[in-house]
N, C-alpha and C. Protein backbone atom coordinates (compact mmCIF):
# COMPACT_ATOMS: atom_id res chain seq x y z
N MET A 1 20.53 15.01 -6.03
CA MET A 1 21.09 13.84 -6.71
C MET A 1 20.62 13.83 -8.16
N GLU A 2 21.56 13.65 -9.09
CA GLU A 2 21.25 13.64 -10.51
C GLU A 2 20.36 12.45 -10.86
N SER A 3 19.35 12.70 -11.68
CA SER A 3 18.48 11.63 -12.15
C SER A 3 18.53 11.57 -13.66
N LEU A 4 18.62 10.38 -14.20
CA LEU A 4 18.68 10.17 -15.64
C LEU A 4 17.50 9.33 -16.09
N ARG A 5 17.14 9.53 -17.32
CA ARG A 5 16.05 8.75 -17.92
C ARG A 5 16.65 7.86 -18.99
N GLY A 6 16.31 6.58 -18.94
CA GLY A 6 16.87 5.65 -19.91
C GLY A 6 15.94 4.51 -20.23
N LYS A 7 16.40 3.65 -21.10
CA LYS A 7 15.59 2.50 -21.54
C LYS A 7 16.39 1.23 -21.34
N ILE A 8 15.74 0.21 -20.81
CA ILE A 8 16.40 -1.08 -20.61
C ILE A 8 16.63 -1.72 -21.98
N VAL A 9 17.90 -1.99 -22.31
CA VAL A 9 18.23 -2.54 -23.62
C VAL A 9 18.66 -4.01 -23.54
N ALA A 10 18.89 -4.49 -22.33
CA ALA A 10 19.24 -5.90 -22.14
C ALA A 10 18.81 -6.31 -20.74
N TRP A 11 18.24 -7.52 -20.63
CA TRP A 11 17.80 -7.99 -19.32
C TRP A 11 17.80 -9.50 -19.25
N ASP A 12 18.48 -10.04 -18.24
CA ASP A 12 18.51 -11.48 -17.98
C ASP A 12 17.54 -11.75 -16.84
N ARG A 13 16.40 -12.33 -17.15
CA ARG A 13 15.36 -12.53 -16.15
C ARG A 13 15.79 -13.49 -15.06
N GLN A 14 16.52 -14.53 -15.42
CA GLN A 14 16.95 -15.52 -14.43
C GLN A 14 17.98 -14.95 -13.47
N LYS A 15 18.92 -14.16 -13.97
CA LYS A 15 19.98 -13.61 -13.12
C LYS A 15 19.57 -12.29 -12.47
N GLY A 16 18.53 -11.66 -13.00
CA GLY A 16 18.02 -10.44 -12.38
C GLY A 16 18.86 -9.20 -12.62
N TYR A 17 19.51 -9.11 -13.77
CA TYR A 17 20.25 -7.90 -14.09
C TYR A 17 20.30 -7.70 -15.60
N GLY A 18 20.71 -6.50 -15.97
CA GLY A 18 20.82 -6.16 -17.39
C GLY A 18 21.49 -4.82 -17.55
N TYR A 19 21.14 -4.11 -18.64
CA TYR A 19 21.75 -2.82 -18.92
C TYR A 19 20.69 -1.81 -19.35
N VAL A 20 20.92 -0.57 -18.94
CA VAL A 20 20.03 0.51 -19.31
C VAL A 20 20.85 1.53 -20.09
N GLU A 21 20.24 2.11 -21.12
CA GLU A 21 20.91 3.07 -21.98
C GLU A 21 20.26 4.43 -21.81
N ALA A 22 21.07 5.43 -21.47
CA ALA A 22 20.59 6.80 -21.30
C ALA A 22 21.47 7.70 -22.15
N GLY A 23 20.94 8.15 -23.28
CA GLY A 23 21.76 8.92 -24.20
C GLY A 23 22.84 8.03 -24.78
N ARG A 24 24.08 8.40 -24.55
CA ARG A 24 25.20 7.59 -25.03
C ARG A 24 25.78 6.73 -23.91
N ARG A 25 25.14 6.77 -22.74
CA ARG A 25 25.65 6.01 -21.59
C ARG A 25 24.91 4.68 -21.49
N ARG A 26 25.66 3.65 -21.22
CA ARG A 26 25.11 2.31 -21.05
C ARG A 26 25.63 1.80 -19.70
N VAL A 27 24.72 1.58 -18.75
CA VAL A 27 25.15 1.23 -17.39
C VAL A 27 24.47 -0.04 -16.93
N PHE A 28 25.12 -0.67 -15.97
CA PHE A 28 24.63 -1.92 -15.38
C PHE A 28 23.43 -1.65 -14.48
N LEU A 29 22.48 -2.55 -14.49
CA LEU A 29 21.28 -2.42 -13.66
C LEU A 29 20.94 -3.76 -13.04
N HIS A 30 20.87 -3.79 -11.71
CA HIS A 30 20.49 -5.01 -10.99
C HIS A 30 19.11 -4.80 -10.38
N ILE A 31 18.35 -5.87 -10.29
CA ILE A 31 16.98 -5.75 -9.80
C ILE A 31 16.93 -5.24 -8.36
N ARG A 32 17.98 -5.47 -7.58
CA ARG A 32 17.99 -4.98 -6.20
C ARG A 32 18.14 -3.46 -6.12
N ASP A 33 18.52 -2.83 -7.24
CA ASP A 33 18.71 -1.39 -7.24
C ASP A 33 17.46 -0.63 -7.66
N PHE A 34 16.33 -1.31 -7.72
CA PHE A 34 15.06 -0.62 -7.94
C PHE A 34 14.56 -0.09 -6.60
N ALA A 35 14.12 1.18 -6.59
CA ALA A 35 13.60 1.78 -5.36
C ALA A 35 12.26 1.19 -4.99
N GLU A 36 11.52 0.70 -5.98
CA GLU A 36 10.22 0.07 -5.74
C GLU A 36 10.04 -1.02 -6.79
N ARG A 37 9.48 -2.14 -6.39
CA ARG A 37 9.33 -3.25 -7.31
C ARG A 37 7.88 -3.73 -7.33
N HIS A 38 7.20 -3.47 -8.41
CA HIS A 38 5.85 -3.99 -8.59
C HIS A 38 5.63 -4.40 -10.05
N LYS A 39 6.68 -4.27 -10.86
CA LYS A 39 6.66 -4.71 -12.25
C LYS A 39 8.02 -5.31 -12.55
N TYR A 40 8.04 -6.49 -13.15
CA TYR A 40 9.33 -7.11 -13.45
C TYR A 40 9.94 -6.39 -14.65
N PRO A 41 11.23 -6.04 -14.57
CA PRO A 41 11.88 -5.32 -15.67
C PRO A 41 11.86 -6.12 -16.97
N GLU A 42 11.69 -5.42 -18.06
CA GLU A 42 11.70 -6.02 -19.38
C GLU A 42 12.41 -5.10 -20.35
N ILE A 43 12.96 -5.68 -21.42
CA ILE A 43 13.61 -4.88 -22.45
C ILE A 43 12.60 -3.90 -23.05
N GLY A 44 13.01 -2.66 -23.15
CA GLY A 44 12.13 -1.63 -23.69
C GLY A 44 11.49 -0.77 -22.63
N ASP A 45 11.56 -1.18 -21.36
CA ASP A 45 10.99 -0.38 -20.27
C ASP A 45 11.76 0.93 -20.11
N THR A 46 11.03 2.01 -19.88
CA THR A 46 11.65 3.31 -19.60
C THR A 46 11.72 3.50 -18.09
N ILE A 47 12.89 3.89 -17.60
CA ILE A 47 13.07 4.06 -16.16
C ILE A 47 13.80 5.37 -15.86
N MET A 48 13.67 5.83 -14.63
CA MET A 48 14.47 6.92 -14.08
C MET A 48 15.44 6.30 -13.08
N PHE A 49 16.66 6.80 -13.04
CA PHE A 49 17.65 6.24 -12.12
C PHE A 49 18.69 7.29 -11.78
N SER A 50 19.42 7.00 -10.71
CA SER A 50 20.54 7.84 -10.29
C SER A 50 21.83 7.09 -10.63
N PRO A 51 22.79 7.74 -11.27
CA PRO A 51 24.05 7.06 -11.61
C PRO A 51 24.88 6.77 -10.35
N GLY A 52 25.51 5.62 -10.34
CA GLY A 52 26.34 5.25 -9.21
C GLY A 52 27.40 4.25 -9.62
N MET A 53 28.04 3.66 -8.64
CA MET A 53 29.08 2.66 -8.90
C MET A 53 28.77 1.43 -8.07
N ASP A 54 28.99 0.25 -8.64
CA ASP A 54 28.74 -0.97 -7.89
C ASP A 54 30.00 -1.41 -7.16
N ALA A 55 29.97 -2.61 -6.54
CA ALA A 55 31.10 -3.10 -5.74
C ALA A 55 32.35 -3.34 -6.59
N LYS A 56 32.16 -3.49 -7.91
CA LYS A 56 33.29 -3.73 -8.80
C LYS A 56 33.71 -2.45 -9.53
N ASP A 57 33.26 -1.31 -9.00
CA ASP A 57 33.58 0.00 -9.58
C ASP A 57 33.10 0.13 -11.02
N ARG A 58 31.99 -0.48 -11.33
CA ARG A 58 31.38 -0.33 -12.65
C ARG A 58 30.25 0.69 -12.55
N PRO A 59 30.07 1.51 -13.57
CA PRO A 59 28.93 2.43 -13.57
C PRO A 59 27.63 1.63 -13.51
N CYS A 60 26.74 2.03 -12.63
CA CYS A 60 25.49 1.29 -12.49
C CYS A 60 24.35 2.24 -12.18
N ALA A 61 23.15 1.74 -12.31
CA ALA A 61 21.95 2.53 -12.01
C ALA A 61 21.52 2.26 -10.58
N LYS A 62 21.16 3.31 -9.85
CA LYS A 62 20.69 3.21 -8.48
C LYS A 62 19.31 3.86 -8.37
N GLN A 63 18.54 3.44 -7.38
CA GLN A 63 17.22 4.02 -7.12
C GLN A 63 16.38 4.07 -8.40
N ALA A 64 16.38 2.97 -9.14
CA ALA A 64 15.63 2.92 -10.40
C ALA A 64 14.13 2.78 -10.15
N VAL A 65 13.35 3.45 -10.99
CA VAL A 65 11.89 3.34 -10.92
C VAL A 65 11.33 3.32 -12.33
N HIS A 66 10.28 2.56 -12.52
CA HIS A 66 9.60 2.54 -13.81
C HIS A 66 8.78 3.82 -13.99
N LEU A 67 8.67 4.26 -15.22
CA LEU A 67 7.84 5.40 -15.55
C LEU A 67 6.56 4.94 -16.23
N ASN A 68 5.50 5.72 -16.03
CA ASN A 68 4.22 5.44 -16.68
C ASN A 68 3.76 4.01 -16.43
N ASP A 69 3.85 3.62 -15.16
CA ASP A 69 3.52 2.23 -14.82
C ASP A 69 2.26 2.13 -13.96
N GLY A 70 1.46 3.17 -13.97
CA GLY A 70 0.24 3.13 -13.16
C GLY A 70 -0.71 2.04 -13.60
N GLY A 71 -1.47 1.55 -12.66
CA GLY A 71 -2.44 0.51 -12.97
C GLY A 71 -3.79 1.10 -13.36
N ARG A 72 -4.75 0.26 -13.54
CA ARG A 72 -6.09 0.68 -13.89
C ARG A 72 -7.06 0.25 -12.79
N ILE A 73 -8.02 1.12 -12.53
CA ILE A 73 -9.08 0.76 -11.61
C ILE A 73 -10.11 -0.03 -12.39
N ARG A 74 -10.15 -1.31 -12.16
CA ARG A 74 -11.06 -2.18 -12.90
C ARG A 74 -12.36 -2.37 -12.13
N SER A 75 -13.35 -2.88 -12.83
CA SER A 75 -14.67 -3.07 -12.23
C SER A 75 -14.61 -4.05 -11.06
N VAL A 76 -13.70 -5.03 -11.14
CA VAL A 76 -13.57 -5.99 -10.05
C VAL A 76 -13.04 -5.31 -8.79
N HIS A 77 -12.18 -4.29 -8.95
CA HIS A 77 -11.67 -3.55 -7.80
C HIS A 77 -12.79 -2.75 -7.15
N VAL A 78 -13.59 -2.10 -7.99
CA VAL A 78 -14.71 -1.31 -7.47
C VAL A 78 -15.71 -2.21 -6.76
N ALA A 79 -15.98 -3.38 -7.35
CA ALA A 79 -16.94 -4.32 -6.75
C ALA A 79 -16.43 -4.83 -5.41
N PHE A 80 -15.13 -5.16 -5.35
CA PHE A 80 -14.57 -5.68 -4.10
C PHE A 80 -14.57 -4.61 -3.02
N LEU A 81 -14.22 -3.37 -3.40
CA LEU A 81 -14.23 -2.29 -2.42
C LEU A 81 -15.65 -2.02 -1.93
N THR A 82 -16.62 -2.13 -2.83
CA THR A 82 -18.02 -1.95 -2.43
C THR A 82 -18.43 -2.96 -1.37
N ILE A 83 -17.98 -4.20 -1.56
CA ILE A 83 -18.28 -5.25 -0.57
C ILE A 83 -17.61 -4.91 0.77
N LEU A 84 -16.37 -4.43 0.71
CA LEU A 84 -15.63 -4.13 1.93
C LEU A 84 -16.26 -2.98 2.73
N VAL A 85 -16.84 -2.01 2.04
CA VAL A 85 -17.39 -0.85 2.75
C VAL A 85 -18.84 -1.06 3.17
N MET A 86 -19.43 -2.19 2.78
CA MET A 86 -20.84 -2.42 3.11
C MET A 86 -21.07 -2.48 4.62
N ALA A 87 -20.32 -3.34 5.32
CA ALA A 87 -20.52 -3.49 6.76
C ALA A 87 -20.24 -2.19 7.51
N PRO A 88 -19.09 -1.52 7.27
CA PRO A 88 -18.87 -0.24 7.95
C PRO A 88 -19.92 0.79 7.59
N GLY A 89 -20.40 0.79 6.34
CA GLY A 89 -21.41 1.74 5.93
C GLY A 89 -22.74 1.53 6.63
N ILE A 90 -23.15 0.26 6.72
CA ILE A 90 -24.40 -0.06 7.41
C ILE A 90 -24.29 0.24 8.90
N ALA A 91 -23.11 -0.05 9.46
CA ALA A 91 -22.88 0.24 10.88
C ALA A 91 -22.96 1.73 11.14
N ALA A 92 -22.38 2.54 10.24
CA ALA A 92 -22.45 3.99 10.39
C ALA A 92 -23.89 4.48 10.28
N TRP A 93 -24.65 3.88 9.37
CA TRP A 93 -26.07 4.24 9.19
C TRP A 93 -26.88 3.95 10.45
N ARG A 94 -26.56 2.81 11.06
CA ARG A 94 -27.28 2.42 12.28
C ARG A 94 -26.82 3.25 13.48
N LEU A 95 -25.52 3.57 13.51
CA LEU A 95 -24.96 4.27 14.67
C LEU A 95 -25.40 5.73 14.73
N ALA A 96 -25.46 6.36 13.58
CA ALA A 96 -25.74 7.80 13.57
C ALA A 96 -26.77 8.14 12.50
N THR A 97 -27.44 9.25 12.71
CA THR A 97 -28.40 9.77 11.74
C THR A 97 -28.17 11.27 11.58
N GLY A 98 -28.70 11.82 10.52
CA GLY A 98 -28.61 13.26 10.32
C GLY A 98 -27.18 13.74 10.22
N LYS A 99 -26.85 14.76 11.01
CA LYS A 99 -25.52 15.36 10.97
C LYS A 99 -24.44 14.38 11.43
N GLY A 100 -24.80 13.50 12.35
CA GLY A 100 -23.83 12.51 12.82
C GLY A 100 -23.40 11.57 11.70
N LEU A 101 -24.37 11.15 10.89
CA LEU A 101 -24.07 10.26 9.77
C LEU A 101 -23.21 10.99 8.74
N LEU A 102 -23.57 12.24 8.45
CA LEU A 102 -22.78 13.03 7.50
C LEU A 102 -21.35 13.21 8.00
N PHE A 103 -21.20 13.38 9.31
CA PHE A 103 -19.86 13.53 9.89
C PHE A 103 -19.03 12.27 9.68
N LEU A 104 -19.64 11.10 9.95
CA LEU A 104 -18.91 9.84 9.78
C LEU A 104 -18.53 9.60 8.33
N LEU A 105 -19.47 9.85 7.42
CA LEU A 105 -19.18 9.67 6.00
C LEU A 105 -18.11 10.65 5.54
N GLY A 106 -18.22 11.89 6.01
CA GLY A 106 -17.21 12.88 5.66
C GLY A 106 -15.84 12.51 6.20
N TRP A 107 -15.82 11.93 7.40
CA TRP A 107 -14.57 11.50 8.01
C TRP A 107 -13.87 10.46 7.14
N TYR A 108 -14.63 9.42 6.74
CA TYR A 108 -14.06 8.36 5.90
C TYR A 108 -13.59 8.90 4.56
N LEU A 109 -14.40 9.78 3.95
CA LEU A 109 -14.04 10.34 2.66
C LEU A 109 -12.79 11.21 2.77
N ALA A 110 -12.72 12.03 3.83
CA ALA A 110 -11.58 12.92 4.01
C ALA A 110 -10.29 12.12 4.23
N PHE A 111 -10.35 11.12 5.10
CA PHE A 111 -9.14 10.34 5.38
C PHE A 111 -8.77 9.46 4.19
N SER A 112 -9.75 9.01 3.43
CA SER A 112 -9.43 8.23 2.23
C SER A 112 -8.73 9.10 1.20
N GLY A 113 -9.23 10.32 1.01
CA GLY A 113 -8.58 11.24 0.08
C GLY A 113 -7.18 11.61 0.53
N LEU A 114 -7.02 11.86 1.83
CA LEU A 114 -5.71 12.22 2.36
C LEU A 114 -4.73 11.05 2.23
N THR A 115 -5.21 9.85 2.51
CA THR A 115 -4.35 8.66 2.41
C THR A 115 -3.92 8.43 0.97
N TYR A 116 -4.84 8.62 0.02
CA TYR A 116 -4.49 8.49 -1.40
C TYR A 116 -3.41 9.49 -1.77
N PHE A 117 -3.55 10.72 -1.30
CA PHE A 117 -2.56 11.76 -1.57
C PHE A 117 -1.20 11.37 -0.98
N LEU A 118 -1.19 10.82 0.23
CA LEU A 118 0.07 10.42 0.86
C LEU A 118 0.76 9.31 0.07
N TYR A 119 -0.02 8.36 -0.44
CA TYR A 119 0.55 7.30 -1.29
C TYR A 119 1.18 7.91 -2.54
N ALA A 120 0.44 8.83 -3.19
CA ALA A 120 0.95 9.44 -4.41
C ALA A 120 2.22 10.25 -4.13
N ASP A 121 2.22 10.99 -3.04
CA ASP A 121 3.39 11.79 -2.67
C ASP A 121 4.58 10.90 -2.34
N ASP A 122 4.33 9.79 -1.64
CA ASP A 122 5.42 8.89 -1.26
C ASP A 122 6.03 8.23 -2.50
N LYS A 123 5.19 7.88 -3.48
CA LYS A 123 5.72 7.28 -4.69
C LYS A 123 6.55 8.30 -5.46
N ASN A 124 6.09 9.53 -5.52
CA ASN A 124 6.84 10.58 -6.21
C ASN A 124 8.19 10.82 -5.53
N ARG A 125 8.19 10.79 -4.19
CA ARG A 125 9.44 10.97 -3.46
C ARG A 125 10.41 9.81 -3.72
N ALA A 126 9.86 8.59 -3.82
CA ALA A 126 10.71 7.44 -4.10
C ALA A 126 11.38 7.58 -5.46
N ARG A 127 10.65 8.12 -6.42
CA ARG A 127 11.21 8.29 -7.76
C ARG A 127 12.34 9.31 -7.81
N HIS A 128 12.29 10.28 -6.90
CA HIS A 128 13.30 11.33 -6.92
C HIS A 128 14.34 11.16 -5.81
N GLY A 129 14.29 10.02 -5.13
CA GLY A 129 15.28 9.73 -4.10
C GLY A 129 15.18 10.65 -2.90
N ALA A 130 13.99 11.20 -2.66
CA ALA A 130 13.79 12.13 -1.55
C ALA A 130 13.39 11.37 -0.29
N TRP A 131 13.25 12.13 0.81
CA TRP A 131 12.85 11.54 2.08
C TRP A 131 11.47 10.92 1.94
N ARG A 132 11.33 9.66 2.40
CA ARG A 132 10.08 8.91 2.24
C ARG A 132 9.21 9.05 3.48
N ALA A 133 7.91 8.95 3.26
CA ALA A 133 6.96 8.95 4.37
C ALA A 133 7.11 7.63 5.13
N PRO A 134 7.19 7.66 6.45
CA PRO A 134 7.30 6.40 7.22
C PRO A 134 6.07 5.52 6.98
N GLU A 135 6.29 4.23 6.90
CA GLU A 135 5.16 3.32 6.70
C GLU A 135 4.18 3.41 7.86
N LYS A 136 4.69 3.72 9.06
CA LYS A 136 3.81 3.88 10.21
C LYS A 136 2.79 4.99 9.97
N ALA A 137 3.21 6.05 9.28
CA ALA A 137 2.30 7.16 8.99
C ALA A 137 1.20 6.71 8.04
N LEU A 138 1.56 5.95 7.01
CA LEU A 138 0.56 5.45 6.07
C LEU A 138 -0.43 4.54 6.78
N HIS A 139 0.09 3.66 7.64
CA HIS A 139 -0.80 2.75 8.37
C HIS A 139 -1.69 3.51 9.36
N PHE A 140 -1.17 4.58 9.95
CA PHE A 140 -1.97 5.37 10.88
C PHE A 140 -3.20 5.94 10.17
N PHE A 141 -2.99 6.51 8.99
CA PHE A 141 -4.12 7.10 8.26
C PHE A 141 -5.07 6.02 7.74
N GLU A 142 -4.54 4.85 7.42
CA GLU A 142 -5.41 3.72 7.04
C GLU A 142 -6.29 3.32 8.22
N LEU A 143 -5.66 3.21 9.40
CA LEU A 143 -6.38 2.81 10.60
C LEU A 143 -7.43 3.85 10.99
N ALA A 144 -7.12 5.13 10.76
CA ALA A 144 -8.03 6.21 11.12
C ALA A 144 -9.25 6.27 10.22
N GLY A 145 -9.28 5.46 9.17
CA GLY A 145 -10.43 5.43 8.28
C GLY A 145 -10.10 5.60 6.81
N GLY A 146 -8.81 5.76 6.50
CA GLY A 146 -8.42 5.98 5.12
C GLY A 146 -8.09 4.73 4.33
N TRP A 147 -8.43 3.57 4.87
CA TRP A 147 -8.08 2.33 4.16
C TRP A 147 -8.75 2.20 2.78
N PRO A 148 -9.99 2.72 2.56
CA PRO A 148 -10.52 2.63 1.19
C PRO A 148 -9.66 3.41 0.19
N GLY A 149 -9.18 4.59 0.60
CA GLY A 149 -8.30 5.36 -0.27
C GLY A 149 -6.99 4.64 -0.52
N ALA A 150 -6.46 3.97 0.51
CA ALA A 150 -5.23 3.20 0.35
C ALA A 150 -5.44 2.04 -0.62
N PHE A 151 -6.58 1.39 -0.52
CA PHE A 151 -6.90 0.27 -1.42
C PHE A 151 -6.88 0.72 -2.87
N MET A 152 -7.51 1.87 -3.15
CA MET A 152 -7.55 2.38 -4.51
C MET A 152 -6.17 2.86 -4.96
N ALA A 153 -5.42 3.48 -4.05
CA ALA A 153 -4.09 3.98 -4.40
C ALA A 153 -3.15 2.83 -4.76
N GLN A 154 -3.23 1.73 -4.03
CA GLN A 154 -2.37 0.59 -4.31
C GLN A 154 -2.61 0.05 -5.71
N ARG A 155 -3.86 0.07 -6.15
CA ARG A 155 -4.19 -0.46 -7.47
C ARG A 155 -3.98 0.55 -8.59
N ARG A 156 -4.26 1.81 -8.32
CA ARG A 156 -4.08 2.82 -9.36
C ARG A 156 -2.62 3.24 -9.50
N LEU A 157 -1.94 3.42 -8.40
CA LEU A 157 -0.55 3.89 -8.42
C LEU A 157 0.46 2.77 -8.43
N ARG A 158 0.01 1.54 -8.13
CA ARG A 158 0.92 0.40 -7.99
C ARG A 158 2.03 0.72 -6.99
N HIS A 159 1.60 1.17 -5.82
CA HIS A 159 2.56 1.55 -4.79
C HIS A 159 2.25 0.80 -3.50
N LYS A 160 3.27 0.24 -2.88
CA LYS A 160 3.15 -0.52 -1.63
C LYS A 160 2.30 -1.78 -1.79
N CYS A 161 2.18 -2.27 -3.02
CA CYS A 161 1.34 -3.44 -3.23
C CYS A 161 2.14 -4.73 -3.37
N ALA A 162 3.47 -4.64 -3.32
CA ALA A 162 4.30 -5.83 -3.47
C ALA A 162 5.05 -6.21 -2.20
N LYS A 163 5.12 -5.31 -1.24
CA LYS A 163 5.84 -5.59 -0.01
C LYS A 163 4.95 -6.38 0.94
N LEU A 164 5.33 -7.63 1.21
CA LEU A 164 4.48 -8.54 1.96
C LEU A 164 4.17 -8.03 3.36
N SER A 165 5.20 -7.57 4.09
CA SER A 165 4.97 -7.12 5.46
C SER A 165 4.01 -5.93 5.50
N PHE A 166 4.11 -5.04 4.52
CA PHE A 166 3.20 -3.90 4.47
C PHE A 166 1.78 -4.36 4.18
N GLN A 167 1.65 -5.30 3.24
CA GLN A 167 0.33 -5.78 2.88
C GLN A 167 -0.34 -6.54 4.02
N ILE A 168 0.44 -7.29 4.77
CA ILE A 168 -0.12 -8.03 5.91
C ILE A 168 -0.74 -7.07 6.92
N LEU A 169 0.00 -6.02 7.26
CA LEU A 169 -0.51 -5.05 8.23
C LEU A 169 -1.69 -4.28 7.65
N PHE A 170 -1.63 -3.95 6.36
CA PHE A 170 -2.74 -3.24 5.73
C PHE A 170 -4.03 -4.06 5.82
N TRP A 171 -3.96 -5.34 5.50
CA TRP A 171 -5.16 -6.17 5.51
C TRP A 171 -5.62 -6.48 6.93
N LEU A 172 -4.71 -6.46 7.88
CA LEU A 172 -5.12 -6.58 9.29
C LEU A 172 -5.94 -5.36 9.70
N ILE A 173 -5.55 -4.18 9.21
CA ILE A 173 -6.30 -2.95 9.49
C ILE A 173 -7.68 -3.02 8.86
N VAL A 174 -7.73 -3.46 7.60
CA VAL A 174 -9.03 -3.60 6.92
C VAL A 174 -9.89 -4.61 7.67
N GLY A 175 -9.29 -5.73 8.07
CA GLY A 175 -10.03 -6.75 8.82
C GLY A 175 -10.55 -6.24 10.14
N ALA A 176 -9.76 -5.39 10.82
CA ALA A 176 -10.20 -4.82 12.10
C ALA A 176 -11.44 -3.95 11.90
N HIS A 177 -11.45 -3.15 10.84
CA HIS A 177 -12.62 -2.32 10.56
C HIS A 177 -13.84 -3.20 10.25
N GLN A 178 -13.62 -4.28 9.50
CA GLN A 178 -14.73 -5.18 9.19
C GLN A 178 -15.26 -5.85 10.45
N PHE A 179 -14.35 -6.31 11.29
CA PHE A 179 -14.75 -7.01 12.51
C PHE A 179 -15.56 -6.11 13.43
N ILE A 180 -15.07 -4.89 13.65
CA ILE A 180 -15.77 -3.97 14.55
C ILE A 180 -17.16 -3.65 14.01
N ALA A 181 -17.25 -3.43 12.69
CA ALA A 181 -18.55 -3.10 12.09
C ALA A 181 -19.52 -4.27 12.21
N VAL A 182 -19.07 -5.46 11.88
CA VAL A 182 -19.94 -6.65 11.94
C VAL A 182 -20.34 -6.94 13.37
N ASP A 183 -19.39 -6.87 14.30
CA ASP A 183 -19.71 -7.15 15.70
C ASP A 183 -20.69 -6.12 16.26
N TYR A 184 -20.55 -4.87 15.85
CA TYR A 184 -21.50 -3.84 16.27
C TYR A 184 -22.90 -4.16 15.77
N LEU A 185 -23.00 -4.59 14.51
CA LEU A 185 -24.30 -4.92 13.93
C LEU A 185 -24.92 -6.14 14.61
N LEU A 186 -24.06 -6.99 15.20
CA LEU A 186 -24.54 -8.18 15.94
C LEU A 186 -24.69 -7.88 17.42
N ASN A 187 -24.73 -6.58 17.77
CA ASN A 187 -24.87 -6.16 19.18
C ASN A 187 -23.72 -6.69 20.04
N TRP A 188 -22.51 -6.69 19.47
CA TRP A 188 -21.29 -7.08 20.17
C TRP A 188 -21.33 -8.52 20.68
N ARG A 189 -21.99 -9.39 19.94
CA ARG A 189 -22.08 -10.79 20.36
C ARG A 189 -20.72 -11.47 20.38
N ILE A 190 -19.91 -11.22 19.36
CA ILE A 190 -18.61 -11.88 19.27
C ILE A 190 -17.71 -11.44 20.42
N THR A 191 -17.67 -10.13 20.66
CA THR A 191 -16.85 -9.61 21.76
C THR A 191 -17.36 -10.12 23.09
N GLY A 192 -18.69 -10.10 23.27
CA GLY A 192 -19.28 -10.57 24.53
C GLY A 192 -18.97 -12.04 24.79
N ALA A 193 -19.11 -12.87 23.74
CA ALA A 193 -18.82 -14.30 23.91
C ALA A 193 -17.34 -14.51 24.23
N THR A 194 -16.47 -13.72 23.60
CA THR A 194 -15.03 -13.85 23.86
C THR A 194 -14.70 -13.47 25.29
N VAL A 195 -15.29 -12.37 25.77
CA VAL A 195 -15.05 -11.93 27.15
C VAL A 195 -15.54 -12.97 28.14
N ARG A 196 -16.74 -13.53 27.90
CA ARG A 196 -17.26 -14.56 28.81
C ARG A 196 -16.38 -15.79 28.80
N ARG A 197 -15.87 -16.14 27.65
CA ARG A 197 -15.00 -17.30 27.54
C ARG A 197 -13.70 -17.08 28.32
N VAL A 198 -13.12 -15.89 28.17
CA VAL A 198 -11.88 -15.58 28.87
C VAL A 198 -12.11 -15.59 30.39
N ARG A 199 -13.23 -15.02 30.82
CA ARG A 199 -13.54 -15.01 32.26
C ARG A 199 -13.71 -16.44 32.79
N ALA A 200 -14.37 -17.30 32.00
CA ALA A 200 -14.58 -18.68 32.43
C ALA A 200 -13.25 -19.42 32.57
N VAL A 201 -12.38 -19.20 31.60
CA VAL A 201 -11.07 -19.84 31.64
C VAL A 201 -10.28 -19.34 32.85
N GLY A 202 -10.34 -18.01 33.08
CA GLY A 202 -9.63 -17.42 34.21
C GLY A 202 -10.16 -17.93 35.54
N ALA A 203 -11.50 -18.03 35.66
CA ALA A 203 -12.09 -18.53 36.89
C ALA A 203 -11.71 -19.99 37.15
N GLY A 204 -11.67 -20.78 36.06
CA GLY A 204 -11.29 -22.17 36.20
C GLY A 204 -9.85 -22.34 36.63
N ALA A 205 -8.98 -21.45 36.11
CA ALA A 205 -7.58 -21.54 36.50
C ALA A 205 -7.37 -21.15 37.95
N MET A 206 -8.14 -20.17 38.43
CA MET A 206 -8.00 -19.72 39.82
C MET A 206 -8.54 -20.73 40.80
N SER A 207 -9.54 -21.55 40.37
CA SER A 207 -10.14 -22.51 41.29
C SER A 207 -9.31 -23.78 41.45
N ARG A 208 -8.29 -23.92 40.64
CA ARG A 208 -7.47 -25.12 40.75
C ARG A 208 -6.48 -25.02 41.89
């Protein structure tokens, strides 16, 4: 599929559409035709797009993506990630020593690096209109231990950080890792209390 590079020369923020100019071509652009949305379009933005036709047979831009729109890893991001990895890190330290600890740390680092790469590859594929990585695959690697890499990728690459359903599941995965680590450090008190509570409720229901 042909890809063109152009600049937004007109944009109506309220109506969500405008025009992009590529060489001598000036085509219609609607916000729904962006392949990924994490930055609101503005006049002067450079984008890549595929030429197409809209419902009114007008030339329009399809699969549009912003160029050079990466974010910055700020100190607040590093600080927040440090807080998030504290409980799992302490749990790993308590759970294993020596080679076992190195294995766990290596596991998290490897999956974080791999997850970051998958985010970068998926964003590149989105820009070129290629086959995308299933979101289930990204979540699988996050769940397997790559969530720190995903956290950094979302902020550095600005990818998958605006889709609410994706973010909800991502933070549920992060929360699950935090819960397991904290509960382990508390000698499974939370899980034990929950199990006892469920058994008590079940026994009470059966005795009625």
